[in-house]
Every structure is written in C-alpha cells, then in structure tokens.
Amino acid sequence: MIQVRIQKQGEDFLSMEVKGHAEYAEHGKDLVCAAVSGITFGLCNALDILVHVEAVVEDNLIRIAIDHPDGKTNLIMQVGTIQLQTIAESYHEFMNLIIMEESK
C-alpha cells in the first residue's frame, strides 16, 4: 500500500512523505503506482523549479520539507494534494492519505 502523509499548520503545507507500493498490479503495469509517481514527481519538479524547494528521493520514499511556506508553495502543494486525494478516493485499498494538522 502507498502511504502518503502530509503535514500542515493552518493553511501552510510543511511536509509530504510518500512511500510504499500500491500492489494494484504486477511491476510495470501498476496504474495506481504510476499515477501517484507521476503526480508526486511533477509536484517535486514544480517545487524545485518554481520555488527552489528540493525533495529527497530514495528507493520507495519521497520526502518534501518546506521550511518557509508561502503562497506559491501552498498552491503547488494544494494542487498535488487534491490530485492525490482523487486517487486515494478511487483506490483506497491501495493507497492511504493522511493530512496531519499541527497547531500554531
């Protein structure tokens, strides 16, 4: 199962962690993994190119940490979150998305 954890404080996105495999289909044919990977890597590229926030990419793990959230980082993260929520709603048995709220 793919695990997505997003940490927010109010409207500010602080971090995202994506790990695991969907196991929806065999390797190379897993549409859930492909969709989540495409969205997540697009999100990482947008953050890197537009606001210079770099992600840590390892085997089966992507971590994004936003030290100084602002309107741009929040908009980029919100778009990615909505896309990932759409997949999680349709394929909830293969993907778990948790948004954790931190108090200010």
C-alpha atoms as a PDB file:
ATOM      1  CA  MET A   1       0.000   0.000   0.000  1.00  0.00           C
ATOM      2  CA  ILE A   2       1.170   3.524  -0.758  1.00  0.00           C
ATOM      3  CA  GLN A   3       1.310   5.732   2.327  1.00  0.00           C
ATOM      4  CA  VAL A   4       1.058   9.497   1.874  1.00  0.00           C
ATOM      5  CA  ARG A   5       1.445  11.756   4.910  1.00  0.00           C
ATOM      6  CA  ILE A   6       1.025  15.480   4.593  1.00  0.00           C
ATOM      7  CA  GLN A   7       1.746  17.840   7.466  1.00  0.00           C
ATOM      8  CA  LYS A   8       0.076  21.253   7.619  1.00  0.00           C
ATOM      9  CA  GLN A   9      -0.121  24.159  10.018  1.00  0.00           C
ATOM     10  CA  GLY A  10      -3.241  26.147   9.266  1.00  0.00           C
ATOM     11  CA  GLU A  11      -3.159  26.826   5.528  1.00  0.00           C
ATOM     12  CA  ASP A  12       0.603  26.214   5.309  1.00  0.00           C
ATOM     13  CA  PHE A  13       1.944  22.935   3.947  1.00  0.00           C
ATOM     14  CA  LEU A  14       5.037  21.869   5.895  1.00  0.00           C
ATOM     15  CA  SER A  15       5.917  18.445   4.516  1.00  0.00           C
ATOM     16  CA  MET A  16       4.885  15.433   2.486  1.00  0.00           C
ATOM     17  CA  GLU A  17       6.130  11.861   2.603  1.00  0.00           C
ATOM     18  CA  VAL A  18       5.194   9.236   0.017  1.00  0.00           C
ATOM     19  CA  LYS A  19       6.349   5.647   0.471  1.00  0.00           C
ATOM     20  CA  GLY A  20       5.499   2.091  -0.438  1.00  0.00           C
ATOM     21  CA  HIS A  21       3.939   0.307  -3.404  1.00  0.00           C
ATOM     22  CA  ALA A  22       0.274   0.030  -4.326  1.00  0.00           C
ATOM     23  CA  GLU A  23       0.481  -3.632  -5.397  1.00  0.00           C
ATOM     24  CA  TYR A  24      -2.560  -2.998  -7.591  1.00  0.00           C
ATOM     25  CA  ALA A  25      -0.938  -4.948 -10.440  1.00  0.00           C
ATOM     26  CA  GLU A  26       2.384  -6.546 -11.298  1.00  0.00           C
ATOM     27  CA  HIS A  27       5.508  -4.384 -11.500  1.00  0.00           C
ATOM     28  CA  GLY A  28       5.478  -2.261 -14.628  1.00  0.00           C
ATOM     29  CA  LYS A  29       1.696  -2.487 -15.021  1.00  0.00           C
ATOM     30  CA  ASP A  30       0.579  -0.892 -11.759  1.00  0.00           C
ATOM     31  CA  LEU A  31      -1.585   2.073 -12.752  1.00  0.00           C
ATOM     32  CA  VAL A  32      -2.008   3.281  -9.162  1.00  0.00           C
ATOM     33  CA  CYS A  33       1.755   3.438  -8.602  1.00  0.00           C
ATOM     34  CA  ALA A  34       2.211   5.129 -11.972  1.00  0.00           C
ATOM     35  CA  ALA A  35      -0.418   7.773 -11.177  1.00  0.00           C
ATOM     36  CA  VAL A  36       0.960   8.511  -7.711  1.00  0.00           C
ATOM     37  CA  SER A  37       4.531   8.613  -9.033  1.00  0.00           C
ATOM     38  CA  GLY A  38       3.597  10.960 -11.869  1.00  0.00           C
ATOM     39  CA  ILE A  39       1.789  13.357  -9.549  1.00  0.00           C
ATOM     40  CA  THR A  40       4.484  13.219  -6.878  1.00  0.00           C
ATOM     41  CA  PHE A  41       7.413  13.731  -9.258  1.00  0.00           C
ATOM     42  CA  GLY A  42       5.512  16.542 -11.011  1.00  0.00           C
ATOM     43  CA  LEU A  43       4.972  18.132  -7.601  1.00  0.00           C
ATOM     44  CA  CYS A  44       8.672  17.767  -6.758  1.00  0.00           C
ATOM     45  CA  ASN A  45       9.690  19.299 -10.096  1.00  0.00           C
ATOM     46  CA  ALA A  46       7.268  22.218  -9.701  1.00  0.00           C
ATOM     47  CA  LEU A  47       8.556  22.951  -6.194  1.00  0.00           C
ATOM     48  CA  ASP A  48      12.176  22.719  -7.348  1.00  0.00           C
ATOM     49  CA  ILE A  49      11.791  24.856 -10.479  1.00  0.00           C
ATOM     50  CA  LEU A  50       9.316  27.450  -9.227  1.00  0.00           C
ATOM     51  CA  VAL A  51      10.275  27.944  -5.569  1.00  0.00           C
ATOM     52  CA  HIS A  52      13.599  26.114  -5.134  1.00  0.00           C
ATOM     53  CA  VAL A  53      12.340  23.542  -2.624  1.00  0.00           C
ATOM     54  CA  GLU A  54      14.157  20.249  -3.162  1.00  0.00           C
ATOM     55  CA  ALA A  55      12.812  16.803  -2.366  1.00  0.00           C
ATOM     56  CA  VAL A  56      14.670  13.791  -1.037  1.00  0.00           C
ATOM     57  CA  VAL A  57      14.113  10.844  -3.376  1.00  0.00           C
ATOM     58  CA  GLU A  58      15.150   7.361  -2.294  1.00  0.00           C
ATOM     59  CA  ASP A  59      14.004   3.853  -3.165  1.00  0.00           C
ATOM     60  CA  ASN A  60      10.259   3.707  -2.312  1.00  0.00           C
ATOM     61  CA  LEU A  61      10.390   7.049  -0.492  1.00  0.00           C
ATOM     62  CA  ILE A  62       9.935  10.710  -1.406  1.00  0.00           C
ATOM     63  CA  ARG A  63      10.186  13.435   1.243  1.00  0.00           C
ATOM     64  CA  ILE A  64       9.387  17.089   0.765  1.00  0.00           C
ATOM     65  CA  ALA A  65      10.085  19.588   3.552  1.00  0.00           C
ATOM     66  CA  ILE A  66       9.029  23.201   3.206  1.00  0.00           C
ATOM     67  CA  ASP A  67      10.960  25.367   5.650  1.00  0.00           C
ATOM     68  CA  HIS A  68       9.390  28.671   4.610  1.00  0.00           C
ATOM     69  CA  PRO A  69       5.859  28.094   3.300  1.00  0.00           C
ATOM     70  CA  ASP A  70       4.292  30.881   1.282  1.00  0.00           C
ATOM     71  CA  GLY A  71       1.504  31.397  -1.220  1.00  0.00           C
ATOM     72  CA  LYS A  72       3.392  29.666  -4.045  1.00  0.00           C
ATOM     73  CA  THR A  73       4.421  26.585  -2.069  1.00  0.00           C
ATOM     74  CA  ASN A  74       0.924  26.287  -0.617  1.00  0.00           C
ATOM     75  CA  LEU A  75      -0.736  26.493  -4.042  1.00  0.00           C
ATOM     76  CA  ILE A  76       1.608  23.896  -5.552  1.00  0.00           C
ATOM     77  CA  MET A  77       1.102  21.556  -2.604  1.00  0.00           C
ATOM     78  CA  GLN A  78      -2.662  22.079  -2.599  1.00  0.00           C
ATOM     79  CA  VAL A  79      -2.910  21.108  -6.271  1.00  0.00           C
ATOM     80  CA  GLY A  80      -0.820  17.967  -5.672  1.00  0.00           C
ATOM     81  CA  THR A  81      -2.839  17.086  -2.579  1.00  0.00           C
ATOM     82  CA  ILE A  82      -6.129  17.354  -4.466  1.00  0.00           C
ATOM     83  CA  GLN A  83      -4.773  15.084  -7.209  1.00  0.00           C
ATOM     84  CA  LEU A  84      -3.544  12.513  -4.681  1.00  0.00           C
ATOM     85  CA  GLN A  85      -6.861  12.660  -2.789  1.00  0.00           C
ATOM     86  CA  THR A  86      -8.671  11.835  -6.025  1.00  0.00           C
ATOM     87  CA  ILE A  87      -6.609   8.678  -6.449  1.00  0.00           C
ATOM     88  CA  ALA A  88      -6.964   7.760  -2.772  1.00  0.00           C
ATOM     89  CA  GLU A  89     -10.763   8.019  -3.024  1.00  0.00           C
ATOM     90  CA  SER A  90     -10.905   5.728  -6.052  1.00  0.00           C
ATOM     91  CA  TYR A  91      -8.240   3.242  -4.892  1.00  0.00           C
ATOM     92  CA  HIS A  92      -8.465   3.415  -1.089  1.00  0.00           C
ATOM     93  CA  GLU A  93      -7.463  -0.233  -0.708  1.00  0.00           C
ATOM     94  CA  PHE A  94      -4.117   0.513  -2.413  1.00  0.00           C
ATOM     95  CA  MET A  95      -3.350   3.996  -1.092  1.00  0.00           C
ATOM     96  CA  ASN A  96      -3.701   5.728   2.269  1.00  0.00           C
ATOM     97  CA  LEU A  97      -3.517   9.525   2.506  1.00  0.00           C
ATOM     98  CA  ILE A  98      -3.346  11.262   5.869  1.00  0.00           C
ATOM     99  CA  ILE A  99      -3.281  15.014   6.410  1.00  0.00           C
ATOM    100  CA  MET A 100      -1.953  15.895   9.847  1.00  0.00           C
ATOM    101  CA  GLU A 101      -2.745  19.315  11.264  1.00  0.00           C
ATOM    102  CA  GLU A 102      -0.181  20.962  13.541  1.00  0.00           C
ATOM    103  CA  SER A 103      -1.372  23.668  15.885  1.00  0.00           C
ATOM    104  CA  LYS A 104       0.215  27.120  15.589  1.00  0.00           C
END
